[in-house]
Protein backbone atom coordinates (compact mmCIF):
# COMPACT_ATOMS: atom_id res chain seq x y z
CA ARG A 1 -5.98 -18.40 19.42
CA GLY A 2 -3.72 -17.97 22.44
CA ALA A 3 -0.49 -15.95 22.47
CA SER A 4 1.77 -18.98 22.82
CA VAL A 5 4.47 -20.72 20.80
CA ARG A 6 2.41 -23.91 21.19
CA GLU A 7 -0.39 -22.44 19.08
CA PRO A 8 -0.33 -22.36 15.25
CA PHE A 9 1.63 -19.50 13.70
CA LEU A 10 -0.29 -16.23 13.30
CA ALA A 11 1.16 -12.83 12.40
CA LEU A 12 0.05 -9.43 11.13
CA ALA A 13 2.05 -7.43 8.60
CA PHE A 14 1.93 -3.81 9.73
CA LYS A 15 4.56 -2.05 7.61
CA VAL A 16 6.36 -2.48 4.28
CA VAL A 17 9.65 -0.68 3.59
CA TYR A 18 11.68 -0.80 0.39
CA GLU A 19 15.38 -1.37 0.99
CA LYS A 20 17.74 -0.91 -1.94
CA HIS A 21 19.87 -3.98 -1.20
CA MET A 22 17.13 -6.42 -0.18
CA GLY A 23 13.87 -5.26 -1.78
CA ASP A 24 10.66 -5.12 0.23
CA LEU A 25 11.12 -5.61 3.96
CA VAL A 26 7.82 -6.59 5.61
CA PHE A 27 7.54 -5.91 9.33
CA VAL A 28 5.29 -8.37 11.17
CA ARG A 29 4.04 -8.84 14.70
CA VAL A 30 3.90 -12.53 15.65
CA TYR A 31 0.87 -13.26 17.83
CA SER A 32 1.29 -17.00 18.21
CA GLY A 33 3.35 -19.96 17.06
CA ARG A 34 6.78 -19.99 15.48
CA LEU A 35 8.14 -19.21 11.98
CA GLY A 36 11.32 -20.57 10.41
CA PRO A 37 13.10 -19.19 7.32
CA LYS A 38 12.08 -22.14 5.13
CA ASP A 39 8.45 -22.34 6.22
CA SER A 40 5.76 -21.86 3.58
CA ILE A 41 3.43 -18.99 4.46
CA ASN A 42 -0.20 -18.43 3.51
CA ASN A 43 -1.42 -14.84 3.22
CA THR A 44 -5.06 -15.36 4.18
CA THR A 45 -6.01 -11.75 3.41
CA ARG A 46 -5.07 -12.04 -0.27
CA GLY A 47 -5.04 -15.80 -0.78
CA LEU A 48 -1.32 -15.88 -1.64
CA SER A 49 1.44 -18.38 -0.94
CA GLU A 50 4.65 -16.75 0.27
CA ARG A 51 8.05 -17.79 1.57
CA ALA A 52 10.45 -15.62 3.55
CA ALA A 53 14.05 -15.85 2.36
CA ARG A 54 15.32 -14.21 5.57
CA ILE A 55 14.02 -13.33 9.02
CA VAL A 56 15.76 -10.28 10.46
CA ARG A 57 15.63 -8.33 13.68
CA VAL A 58 15.94 -4.63 12.92
CA MET A 59 17.90 -2.33 15.21
CA ALA A 60 18.04 1.14 13.62
CA ALA A 61 20.13 0.61 10.46
CA ASP A 62 21.33 -2.89 11.48
CA TYR A 63 19.68 -6.09 10.26
CA ASP A 64 20.52 -9.22 12.25
CA ASP A 65 19.41 -12.57 10.86
CA VAL A 66 17.52 -14.79 13.30
CA ALA A 67 16.71 -18.48 13.04
CA THR A 68 13.06 -18.23 14.09
CA ALA A 69 10.37 -15.74 14.99
CA SER A 70 8.17 -16.65 17.95
CA ALA A 71 5.03 -15.34 19.63
CA GLY A 72 5.58 -11.78 20.83
CA ASP A 73 8.37 -10.98 18.35
CA ILE A 74 8.43 -8.10 15.91
CA VAL A 75 10.65 -8.98 12.96
CA GLY A 76 11.25 -8.15 9.32
CA LEU A 77 10.64 -10.70 6.57
CA VAL A 78 12.61 -10.52 3.33
CA GLY A 79 11.39 -12.14 0.13
CA LEU A 80 7.61 -11.71 0.41
CA LYS A 81 6.25 -10.60 -2.96
CA GLY A 82 2.58 -9.76 -2.49
CA THR A 83 2.12 -9.07 1.23
CA ARG A 84 1.02 -5.55 2.17
CA SER A 85 0.31 -3.64 5.37
CA GLY A 86 -2.66 -5.10 7.25
CA ASP A 87 -2.34 -8.64 5.83
CA THR A 88 -2.66 -11.79 7.97
CA LEU A 89 -0.01 -14.52 7.72
CA VAL A 90 -0.33 -18.16 8.79
CA LEU A 91 1.57 -21.29 7.89
CA SER A 92 0.48 -23.22 4.83
CA GLY A 93 -1.58 -26.19 5.87
CA ASP A 94 -3.15 -24.43 8.85
CA ARG A 95 -6.45 -26.25 9.40
CA HIS A 96 -8.14 -23.19 10.89
CA PRO A 97 -6.66 -20.15 9.10
CA LEU A 98 -7.67 -16.80 10.53
CA VAL A 99 -7.98 -13.36 8.98
CA LEU A 100 -7.22 -10.54 11.38
CA VAL A 101 -8.86 -7.14 11.10
CA GLY A 102 -6.62 -5.18 8.75
CA LEU A 103 -6.38 -1.52 7.88
CA GLN A 104 -9.51 0.40 6.94
CA ILE A 105 -8.26 3.15 4.65
CA PRO A 106 -10.66 5.71 3.13
CA PRO A 107 -10.25 6.60 -0.53
CA PRO A 108 -8.08 9.65 -1.20
CA VAL A 109 -9.68 12.98 -2.09
CA PHE A 110 -6.53 15.00 -2.87
CA PHE A 111 -4.95 14.38 -6.28
CA CYS A 112 -2.18 15.93 -8.30
CA THR A 113 -0.19 15.06 -11.39
CA VAL A 114 3.39 13.94 -10.97
CA GLU A 115 5.86 13.92 -13.84
CA ALA A 116 9.53 13.15 -14.22
CA GLU A 117 11.60 16.17 -15.20
CA SER A 118 13.13 14.20 -18.06
CA ALA A 119 12.11 11.26 -20.24
CA ALA A 120 15.18 9.36 -19.04
CA GLU A 121 13.82 9.34 -15.48
CA GLU A 122 10.30 8.16 -16.35
CA LYS A 123 11.05 4.47 -15.64
CA LYS A 124 12.73 5.39 -12.36
CA LEU A 125 9.67 7.44 -11.43
CA GLN A 126 7.25 4.59 -12.10
CA PHE A 127 9.40 2.12 -10.13
CA ALA A 128 9.68 4.53 -7.21
CA LEU A 129 5.91 5.14 -7.17
CA GLN A 130 5.28 1.38 -7.09
CA CYS A 131 7.61 1.03 -4.10
CA LEU A 132 6.03 3.95 -2.25
CA GLY A 133 2.57 2.56 -3.00
CA ARG A 134 3.53 -0.72 -1.31
CA GLU A 135 4.94 1.18 1.67
CA ASP A 136 1.93 3.46 2.07
CA PRO A 137 -1.49 1.86 1.39
CA SER A 138 -3.19 5.27 1.63
CA LEU A 139 -1.23 6.43 -1.42
CA VAL A 140 -2.93 5.82 -4.78
CA VAL A 141 -1.18 5.94 -8.14
CA ARG A 142 -3.21 5.78 -11.33
CA GLU A 143 -3.18 7.01 -14.91
CA ASP A 144 -5.55 9.68 -16.16
CA GLU A 145 -7.57 8.01 -18.94
CA GLU A 146 -7.96 11.23 -20.92
CA THR A 147 -4.47 12.75 -20.67
CA GLY A 148 -2.35 9.67 -19.95
CA ARG A 149 -0.56 11.51 -17.15
CA THR A 150 0.23 9.90 -13.80
CA LEU A 151 -2.05 10.95 -10.93
CA LEU A 152 -0.99 10.75 -7.31
CA GLY A 153 -3.72 10.55 -4.66
CA GLY A 154 -3.34 10.99 -0.92
CA MET A 155 -4.90 12.12 2.34
CA GLY A 156 -3.87 15.77 2.01
CA GLU A 157 -1.51 18.28 0.45
CA LEU A 158 1.19 17.61 3.04
CA HIS A 159 0.93 13.87 2.36
CA LEU A 160 1.56 14.46 -1.35
CA ASP A 161 4.41 16.91 -0.67
CA ILE A 162 6.15 14.34 1.55
CA THR A 163 5.76 11.69 -1.15
CA VAL A 164 7.39 13.90 -3.78
CA THR A 165 10.20 14.66 -1.32
CA LYS A 166 10.73 10.91 -0.83
CA LEU A 167 10.99 10.49 -4.59
CA ARG A 168 13.93 12.90 -4.61
CA ARG A 169 15.72 11.86 -1.42
CA GLN A 170 15.11 8.10 -1.32
CA PHE A 171 15.06 7.23 -5.02
CA GLY A 172 16.93 10.12 -6.60
CA VAL A 173 14.07 10.99 -8.97
CA SER A 174 13.49 14.62 -9.86
CA ALA A 175 9.71 14.91 -10.16
CA HIS A 176 7.37 17.83 -10.71
CA LYS A 177 4.11 17.98 -8.74
CA GLY A 178 1.19 19.55 -10.56
CA LYS A 179 -1.69 21.63 -9.29
CA LEU A 180 -3.70 20.13 -6.45
CA GLU A 181 -7.18 18.80 -7.25
CA ILE A 182 -9.78 17.99 -4.59
CA THR A 183 -12.63 15.60 -5.33
CA TYR A 184 -15.90 15.88 -3.49
CA ARG A 185 -19.35 14.29 -3.49
CA GLU A 186 -22.75 15.90 -3.65
CA MET A 187 -26.12 14.49 -2.67
CA VAL A 188 -29.78 15.53 -2.75
CA THR A 189 -30.98 16.52 0.73
CA ALA A 190 -34.51 17.75 -0.04
CA GLU A 191 -37.23 17.26 -2.65
CA SER A 192 -38.22 20.16 -4.93
CA GLU A 193 -40.35 20.78 -8.03
CA TYR A 194 -39.67 23.09 -10.96
CA THR A 195 -41.75 23.73 -14.09
CA PHE A 196 -40.01 24.76 -17.29
CA GLN A 197 -41.58 25.63 -20.63
CA TYR A 198 -39.46 25.34 -23.75
CA GLU A 199 -40.29 27.14 -26.95
CA GLY A 200 -38.43 26.59 -30.19
CA VAL A 201 -38.70 26.14 -33.93
CA MET A 202 -38.40 22.67 -35.42
CA GLN A 203 -38.44 22.11 -39.18
CA GLY A 204 -39.99 25.52 -39.77
CA LYS A 205 -42.96 24.90 -37.44
């Protein structure tokens, strides 16, 4: 598909940022075609139907509404509910929908518990973690099945420290980060044999 406004619309979402006054702001790079604010969008990566309420051009802290986004533009879309970083967007009804190569993110190996410092902030913590999880696809949030505590997974200790700092500065949540846990895998590299003889007493014999 050529990089032209005459071609069908094709864009890649490369970043999601939560803005307090507008919700999720999805940054996209438009490779071909044209998008209007009322156009119905198909997320071919996830099989979702979306619609952008606003198309904005971002200049530092300023958001200027634009009528259309054309091939070569980088814009922010407001109102998308399920689109994440690495997703492909086309117009609904596209006869030849494409799926661009998205992000290949390895599973995290660094985990720690994260807890709100008070019960009153627990809901704020969970909301903030959901927002940060949409912003950063390499961040994993899950619940420990045995303890019920919230586990935060990332690419390293610094990654987790920055996330906890964002909780405080961006969302105003005072959170406590627990001890770091590192998961690892083991595998058999060579064959070996071992003979063991067990001796014991069963039913007095």
